[in-house]
Amino acid sequence: MNADRKSIAVIDPANEEVIGEVPRQTAADADRAVGAAREVFLKWRWVPGNTSIWTTSRKSNRIGIHIRNTTQTMTEPSTYMHYEIANSS
């Protein structure tokens, strides 16, 4: 965490290195998020069940695709690494 307490360090759990920073949130930020969620809920609760199920399922599928793509990108060796390995001898 920064000394100015305006951001929080993001730690890589594999090696405990700082890999980035995220802004520290305030109580006002939390209040805005809760207010936005409440506003959406008041509209969403009147959506017919079959529509809400279809919409939620569709969004869930998109999130799953994004997670798979991100995981694949993060775990596959880069082209640079292949080049370095191939030309290391």
N, C-alpha and C. Protein backbone atom coordinates (compact mmCIF):
# COMPACT_ATOMS: atom_id res chain seq x y z
N MET A 1 0.84 -1.17 0.00
CA MET A 1 0.00 0.00 0.00
C MET A 1 0.89 1.23 0.00
N ASN A 2 0.50 2.23 -0.74
CA ASN A 2 1.26 3.47 -0.80
C ASN A 2 1.17 4.23 0.51
N ALA A 3 2.19 5.00 0.78
CA ALA A 3 2.20 5.80 2.00
C ALA A 3 1.07 6.82 2.00
N ASP A 4 0.68 7.30 0.82
CA ASP A 4 -0.38 8.31 0.76
C ASP A 4 -1.77 7.70 0.92
N ARG A 5 -1.85 6.35 0.97
CA ARG A 5 -3.08 5.60 1.19
C ARG A 5 -4.14 5.87 0.12
N LYS A 6 -3.75 6.31 -1.06
CA LYS A 6 -4.72 6.54 -2.13
C LYS A 6 -4.81 5.35 -3.08
N SER A 7 -3.93 4.38 -2.90
CA SER A 7 -3.98 3.19 -3.72
C SER A 7 -3.53 1.98 -2.89
N ILE A 8 -3.91 0.82 -3.40
CA ILE A 8 -3.57 -0.43 -2.73
C ILE A 8 -2.74 -1.27 -3.70
N ALA A 9 -1.68 -1.83 -3.22
CA ALA A 9 -0.83 -2.68 -4.05
C ALA A 9 -1.55 -3.99 -4.38
N VAL A 10 -1.37 -4.45 -5.63
CA VAL A 10 -1.88 -5.75 -6.05
C VAL A 10 -0.69 -6.70 -6.03
N ILE A 11 -0.81 -7.76 -5.24
CA ILE A 11 0.30 -8.69 -5.03
C ILE A 11 0.07 -9.97 -5.82
N ASP A 12 1.10 -10.43 -6.53
CA ASP A 12 1.05 -11.72 -7.22
C ASP A 12 1.21 -12.80 -6.15
N PRO A 13 0.19 -13.66 -5.96
CA PRO A 13 0.29 -14.66 -4.89
C PRO A 13 1.37 -15.71 -5.15
N ALA A 14 1.78 -15.87 -6.40
CA ALA A 14 2.79 -16.88 -6.72
C ALA A 14 4.16 -16.49 -6.20
N ASN A 15 4.49 -15.19 -6.27
CA ASN A 15 5.83 -14.77 -5.86
C ASN A 15 5.84 -13.56 -4.93
N GLU A 16 4.66 -13.08 -4.56
CA GLU A 16 4.49 -11.96 -3.64
C GLU A 16 5.10 -10.66 -4.14
N GLU A 17 5.26 -10.53 -5.46
CA GLU A 17 5.73 -9.27 -6.04
C GLU A 17 4.55 -8.36 -6.29
N VAL A 18 4.78 -7.06 -6.18
CA VAL A 18 3.74 -6.09 -6.50
C VAL A 18 3.64 -6.01 -8.02
N ILE A 19 2.43 -6.28 -8.54
CA ILE A 19 2.24 -6.28 -9.99
C ILE A 19 1.40 -5.10 -10.46
N GLY A 20 0.91 -4.31 -9.54
CA GLY A 20 0.10 -3.16 -9.93
C GLY A 20 -0.50 -2.50 -8.71
N GLU A 21 -1.32 -1.50 -8.97
CA GLU A 21 -2.00 -0.79 -7.90
C GLU A 21 -3.44 -0.52 -8.33
N VAL A 22 -4.33 -0.49 -7.36
CA VAL A 22 -5.72 -0.13 -7.61
C VAL A 22 -6.08 1.02 -6.69
N PRO A 23 -6.99 1.87 -7.13
CA PRO A 23 -7.36 3.00 -6.26
C PRO A 23 -8.07 2.52 -4.99
N ARG A 24 -7.76 3.16 -3.89
CA ARG A 24 -8.45 2.86 -2.63
C ARG A 24 -9.84 3.49 -2.73
N GLN A 25 -10.85 2.73 -2.36
CA GLN A 25 -12.22 3.21 -2.43
C GLN A 25 -12.64 3.82 -1.10
N THR A 26 -13.60 4.72 -1.17
CA THR A 26 -14.08 5.40 0.03
C THR A 26 -15.49 4.93 0.35
N ALA A 27 -15.99 5.35 1.49
CA ALA A 27 -17.37 5.03 1.88
C ALA A 27 -18.34 5.64 0.87
N ALA A 28 -18.01 6.81 0.34
CA ALA A 28 -18.88 7.44 -0.66
C ALA A 28 -18.93 6.60 -1.94
N ASP A 29 -17.81 6.00 -2.32
CA ASP A 29 -17.80 5.11 -3.49
C ASP A 29 -18.72 3.91 -3.25
N ALA A 30 -18.65 3.34 -2.05
CA ALA A 30 -19.51 2.20 -1.71
C ALA A 30 -20.98 2.61 -1.72
N ASP A 31 -21.28 3.78 -1.20
CA ASP A 31 -22.66 4.27 -1.20
C ASP A 31 -23.19 4.44 -2.62
N ARG A 32 -22.36 4.96 -3.51
CA ARG A 32 -22.78 5.12 -4.92
C ARG A 32 -23.02 3.76 -5.56
N ALA A 33 -22.16 2.79 -5.28
CA ALA A 33 -22.33 1.45 -5.86
C ALA A 33 -23.61 0.80 -5.35
N VAL A 34 -23.87 0.91 -4.06
CA VAL A 34 -25.09 0.33 -3.49
C VAL A 34 -26.32 1.03 -4.05
N GLY A 35 -26.26 2.34 -4.18
CA GLY A 35 -27.39 3.09 -4.76
C GLY A 35 -27.67 2.68 -6.19
N ALA A 36 -26.62 2.49 -6.98
CA ALA A 36 -26.78 2.06 -8.38
C ALA A 36 -27.37 0.66 -8.43
N ALA A 37 -26.89 -0.24 -7.56
CA ALA A 37 -27.41 -1.61 -7.54
C ALA A 37 -28.88 -1.60 -7.13
N ARG A 38 -29.24 -0.78 -6.17
CA ARG A 38 -30.63 -0.70 -5.72
C ARG A 38 -31.53 -0.20 -6.85
N GLU A 39 -31.06 0.80 -7.55
CA GLU A 39 -31.84 1.37 -8.67
C GLU A 39 -32.07 0.33 -9.76
N VAL A 40 -31.04 -0.42 -10.10
CA VAL A 40 -31.19 -1.46 -11.12
C VAL A 40 -32.11 -2.57 -10.63
N PHE A 41 -31.97 -2.96 -9.36
CA PHE A 41 -32.82 -4.01 -8.82
C PHE A 41 -34.29 -3.62 -8.89
N LEU A 42 -34.60 -2.37 -8.57
CA LEU A 42 -36.00 -1.95 -8.59
C LEU A 42 -36.62 -2.07 -9.98
N LYS A 43 -35.80 -1.93 -11.02
CA LYS A 43 -36.29 -2.11 -12.39
C LYS A 43 -36.26 -3.59 -12.77
N TRP A 44 -35.21 -4.29 -12.39
CA TRP A 44 -34.98 -5.68 -12.81
C TRP A 44 -36.00 -6.63 -12.20
N ARG A 45 -36.46 -6.34 -11.00
CA ARG A 45 -37.36 -7.28 -10.32
C ARG A 45 -38.69 -7.44 -11.04
N TRP A 46 -39.03 -6.51 -11.93
CA TRP A 46 -40.29 -6.60 -12.67
C TRP A 46 -40.12 -7.27 -14.03
N VAL A 47 -38.92 -7.65 -14.38
CA VAL A 47 -38.67 -8.33 -15.66
C VAL A 47 -39.20 -9.76 -15.54
N PRO A 48 -39.98 -10.25 -16.52
CA PRO A 48 -40.50 -11.61 -16.46
C PRO A 48 -39.38 -12.64 -16.29
N GLY A 49 -39.67 -13.72 -15.59
CA GLY A 49 -38.68 -14.74 -15.27
C GLY A 49 -37.94 -15.30 -16.47
N ASN A 50 -38.69 -15.64 -17.55
CA ASN A 50 -38.01 -16.23 -18.71
C ASN A 50 -37.06 -15.23 -19.37
N THR A 51 -37.39 -13.96 -19.35
CA THR A 51 -36.50 -12.93 -19.92
C THR A 51 -35.26 -12.75 -19.05
N SER A 52 -35.46 -12.70 -17.73
CA SER A 52 -34.30 -12.50 -16.85
C SER A 52 -33.38 -13.71 -16.88
N ILE A 53 -33.95 -14.92 -16.97
CA ILE A 53 -33.11 -16.13 -17.06
C ILE A 53 -32.31 -16.11 -18.35
N TRP A 54 -32.95 -15.78 -19.46
CA TRP A 54 -32.26 -15.74 -20.75
C TRP A 54 -31.15 -14.69 -20.73
N THR A 55 -31.46 -13.52 -20.20
CA THR A 55 -30.46 -12.44 -20.16
C THR A 55 -29.29 -12.81 -19.26
N THR A 56 -29.59 -13.34 -18.09
CA THR A 56 -28.53 -13.72 -17.15
C THR A 56 -27.67 -14.84 -17.73
N SER A 57 -28.30 -15.82 -18.35
CA SER A 57 -27.56 -16.92 -18.96
C SER A 57 -26.65 -16.42 -20.07
N ARG A 58 -27.16 -15.52 -20.88
CA ARG A 58 -26.36 -14.96 -21.99
C ARG A 58 -25.14 -14.21 -21.45
N LYS A 59 -25.36 -13.39 -20.43
CA LYS A 59 -24.24 -12.65 -19.84
C LYS A 59 -23.24 -13.59 -19.19
N SER A 60 -23.74 -14.64 -18.53
CA SER A 60 -22.86 -15.62 -17.91
C SER A 60 -21.99 -16.31 -18.96
N ASN A 61 -22.59 -16.66 -20.10
CA ASN A 61 -21.81 -17.29 -21.17
C ASN A 61 -20.73 -16.35 -21.68
N ARG A 62 -21.05 -15.07 -21.83
CA ARG A 62 -20.04 -14.10 -22.29
C ARG A 62 -18.90 -13.97 -21.29
N ILE A 63 -19.24 -13.97 -20.00
CA ILE A 63 -18.20 -13.89 -18.97
C ILE A 63 -17.32 -15.13 -19.03
N GLY A 64 -17.94 -16.31 -19.21
CA GLY A 64 -17.17 -17.55 -19.32
C GLY A 64 -16.21 -17.54 -20.48
N ILE A 65 -16.67 -17.03 -21.62
CA ILE A 65 -15.80 -16.92 -22.79
C ILE A 65 -14.64 -15.98 -22.49
N HIS A 66 -14.92 -14.85 -21.85
CA HIS A 66 -13.88 -13.89 -21.52
C HIS A 66 -12.86 -14.51 -20.55
N ILE A 67 -13.35 -15.24 -19.56
CA ILE A 67 -12.44 -15.88 -18.61
C ILE A 67 -11.56 -16.91 -19.31
N ARG A 68 -12.14 -17.73 -20.19
CA ARG A 68 -11.34 -18.73 -20.92
C ARG A 68 -10.28 -18.04 -21.78
N ASN A 69 -10.67 -16.97 -22.48
CA ASN A 69 -9.70 -16.27 -23.33
C ASN A 69 -8.59 -15.64 -22.51
N THR A 70 -8.96 -15.04 -21.39
CA THR A 70 -7.96 -14.41 -20.53
C THR A 70 -7.02 -15.45 -19.95
N THR A 71 -7.58 -16.56 -19.48
CA THR A 71 -6.76 -17.62 -18.90
C THR A 71 -5.80 -18.18 -19.94
N GLN A 72 -6.30 -18.39 -21.15
CA GLN A 72 -5.45 -18.92 -22.21
C GLN A 72 -4.32 -17.94 -22.51
N THR A 73 -4.65 -16.66 -22.60
CA THR A 73 -3.64 -15.65 -22.89
C THR A 73 -2.59 -15.59 -21.79
N MET A 74 -3.03 -15.72 -20.54
CA MET A 74 -2.11 -15.61 -19.41
C MET A 74 -1.23 -16.84 -19.25
N THR A 75 -1.68 -18.00 -19.73
CA THR A 75 -0.93 -19.23 -19.48
C THR A 75 -0.13 -19.73 -20.66
N GLU A 76 -0.42 -19.27 -21.87
CA GLU A 76 0.35 -19.78 -23.00
C GLU A 76 1.62 -18.95 -23.18
N PRO A 77 2.72 -19.61 -23.48
CA PRO A 77 3.98 -18.88 -23.68
C PRO A 77 3.86 -17.92 -24.85
N SER A 78 4.54 -16.81 -24.72
CA SER A 78 4.49 -15.80 -25.77
C SER A 78 5.37 -16.21 -26.95
N THR A 79 5.15 -15.58 -28.08
CA THR A 79 5.97 -15.81 -29.26
C THR A 79 7.42 -15.47 -28.97
N TYR A 80 7.65 -14.43 -28.18
CA TYR A 80 9.01 -14.03 -27.82
C TYR A 80 9.71 -15.16 -27.06
N MET A 81 8.97 -15.81 -26.14
CA MET A 81 9.58 -16.91 -25.38
C MET A 81 9.94 -18.06 -26.31
N HIS A 82 9.06 -18.37 -27.27
CA HIS A 82 9.38 -19.43 -28.22
C HIS A 82 10.64 -19.08 -29.01
N TYR A 83 10.77 -17.83 -29.42
CA TYR A 83 11.93 -17.38 -30.16
C TYR A 83 13.20 -17.53 -29.31
N GLU A 84 13.12 -17.09 -28.07
CA GLU A 84 14.28 -17.16 -27.17
C GLU A 84 14.71 -18.61 -26.94
N ILE A 85 13.75 -19.50 -26.73
CA ILE A 85 14.06 -20.91 -26.49
C ILE A 85 14.68 -21.54 -27.76
N ALA A 86 14.10 -21.24 -28.91
CA ALA A 86 14.58 -21.82 -30.17
C ALA A 86 15.98 -21.33 -30.51
N ASN A 87 16.32 -20.11 -30.12
CA ASN A 87 17.61 -19.53 -30.48
C ASN A 87 18.60 -19.48 -29.33
N SER A 88 18.36 -20.27 -28.30
CA SER A 88 19.23 -20.20 -27.13
C SER A 88 20.49 -21.04 -27.27
N SER A 89 20.53 -21.97 -28.22
CA SER A 89 21.72 -22.82 -28.32
C SER A 89 22.78 -22.25 -29.22
